[in-house]
Amino acid sequence: MDVDLIFKIAAIGIIVAVLNQVLIRSGREEQAMMTTLAGLIVVLMMIVTQISSLFDTIKQLFGLW
């Protein structure tokens, strides 16, 4: 796992937090919630691909192909 992935996740978190605050201050709570959920889904998809790669590596390591 690269440090680059951690920086990407942190950047997405910061952007989502700023957008969330801006939308809440302007009275658009529903859009703020949708932005938060979209950010969460993006991060989860990034993590799922990394976990899939980890399982493939473990399978290869133990010869479970």
C-alpha atoms as a PDB file:
ATOM      1  CA  MET A   1       0.000   0.000   0.000  1.00  0.00           C
ATOM      2  CA  ASP A   2       1.398   3.310  -1.012  1.00  0.00           C
ATOM      3  CA  VAL A   3       1.396   6.467   1.026  1.00  0.00           C
ATOM      4  CA  ASP A   4      -0.168   8.000  -2.078  1.00  0.00           C
ATOM      5  CA  LEU A   5      -3.440   6.194  -1.298  1.00  0.00           C
ATOM      6  CA  ILE A   6      -3.524   7.701   2.192  1.00  0.00           C
ATOM      7  CA  PHE A   7      -2.981  11.180   0.754  1.00  0.00           C
ATOM      8  CA  LYS A   8      -5.777  10.639  -1.779  1.00  0.00           C
ATOM      9  CA  ILE A   9      -8.182   9.565   0.958  1.00  0.00           C
ATOM     10  CA  ALA A  10      -7.182  12.543   3.109  1.00  0.00           C
ATOM     11  CA  ALA A  11      -7.672  14.939   0.181  1.00  0.00           C
ATOM     12  CA  ILE A  12     -11.120  13.544  -0.529  1.00  0.00           C
ATOM     13  CA  GLY A  13     -11.994  13.891   3.152  1.00  0.00           C
ATOM     14  CA  ILE A  14     -10.888  17.524   3.268  1.00  0.00           C
ATOM     15  CA  ILE A  15     -12.775  18.410   0.077  1.00  0.00           C
ATOM     16  CA  VAL A  16     -15.943  16.684   1.293  1.00  0.00           C
ATOM     17  CA  ALA A  17     -15.711  18.401   4.680  1.00  0.00           C
ATOM     18  CA  VAL A  18     -15.368  21.843   3.093  1.00  0.00           C
ATOM     19  CA  LEU A  19     -18.228  21.213   0.658  1.00  0.00           C
ATOM     20  CA  ASN A  20     -20.344  19.894   3.501  1.00  0.00           C
ATOM     21  CA  GLN A  21     -19.829  23.033   5.583  1.00  0.00           C
ATOM     22  CA  VAL A  22     -20.491  25.348   2.642  1.00  0.00           C
ATOM     23  CA  LEU A  23     -23.708  23.546   1.765  1.00  0.00           C
ATOM     24  CA  ILE A  24     -24.938  23.461   5.360  1.00  0.00           C
ATOM     25  CA  ARG A  25     -24.257  27.192   5.795  1.00  0.00           C
ATOM     26  CA  SER A  26     -26.262  27.938   2.653  1.00  0.00           C
ATOM     27  CA  GLY A  27     -29.219  25.910   3.939  1.00  0.00           C
ATOM     28  CA  ARG A  28     -28.855  22.892   1.664  1.00  0.00           C
ATOM     29  CA  GLU A  29     -28.635  20.079   4.153  1.00  0.00           C
ATOM     30  CA  GLU A  30     -29.863  17.433   1.703  1.00  0.00           C
ATOM     31  CA  GLN A  31     -27.120  18.209  -0.810  1.00  0.00           C
ATOM     32  CA  ALA A  32     -24.565  18.229   2.019  1.00  0.00           C
ATOM     33  CA  MET A  33     -25.644  14.727   3.032  1.00  0.00           C
ATOM     34  CA  MET A  34     -25.469  13.509  -0.567  1.00  0.00           C
ATOM     35  CA  THR A  35     -21.973  14.986  -0.934  1.00  0.00           C
ATOM     36  CA  THR A  36     -20.859  13.198   2.210  1.00  0.00           C
ATOM     37  CA  LEU A  37     -22.301   9.908   0.981  1.00  0.00           C
ATOM     38  CA  ALA A  38     -20.680  10.325  -2.438  1.00  0.00           C
ATOM     39  CA  GLY A  39     -17.293  10.946  -0.803  1.00  0.00           C
ATOM     40  CA  LEU A  40     -17.733   7.876   1.381  1.00  0.00           C
ATOM     41  CA  ILE A  41     -18.604   5.713  -1.622  1.00  0.00           C
ATOM     42  CA  VAL A  42     -15.565   6.944  -3.567  1.00  0.00           C
ATOM     43  CA  VAL A  43     -13.225   6.160  -0.667  1.00  0.00           C
ATOM     44  CA  LEU A  44     -14.804   2.743  -0.119  1.00  0.00           C
ATOM     45  CA  MET A  45     -14.354   1.872  -3.796  1.00  0.00           C
ATOM     46  CA  MET A  46     -10.670   2.833  -3.553  1.00  0.00           C
ATOM     47  CA  ILE A  47     -10.253   0.625  -0.496  1.00  0.00           C
ATOM     48  CA  VAL A  48     -12.132  -2.311  -2.047  1.00  0.00           C
ATOM     49  CA  THR A  49      -9.733  -2.392  -5.004  1.00  0.00           C
ATOM     50  CA  GLN A  50      -6.777  -2.446  -2.614  1.00  0.00           C
ATOM     51  CA  ILE A  51      -8.313  -5.259  -0.547  1.00  0.00           C
ATOM     52  CA  SER A  52      -8.948  -7.235  -3.725  1.00  0.00           C
ATOM     53  CA  SER A  53      -5.309  -6.807  -4.679  1.00  0.00           C
ATOM     54  CA  LEU A  54      -4.287  -7.971  -1.192  1.00  0.00           C
ATOM     55  CA  PHE A  55      -6.361 -11.147  -1.474  1.00  0.00           C
ATOM     56  CA  ASP A  56      -4.904 -11.877  -4.912  1.00  0.00           C
ATOM     57  CA  THR A  57      -1.400 -11.518  -3.486  1.00  0.00           C
ATOM     58  CA  ILE A  58      -2.226 -13.858  -0.582  1.00  0.00           C
ATOM     59  CA  LYS A  59      -3.675 -16.436  -2.982  1.00  0.00           C
ATOM     60  CA  GLN A  60      -0.534 -16.261  -5.095  1.00  0.00           C
ATOM     61  CA  LEU A  61       1.703 -16.500  -2.049  1.00  0.00           C
ATOM     62  CA  PHE A  62       0.123 -19.678  -0.762  1.00  0.00           C
ATOM     63  CA  GLY A  63      -0.444 -21.207  -4.200  1.00  0.00           C
ATOM     64  CA  LEU A  64      -4.215 -21.210  -4.013  1.00  0.00           C
ATOM     65  CA  TRP A  65      -4.692 -20.421  -7.689  1.00  0.00           C
END
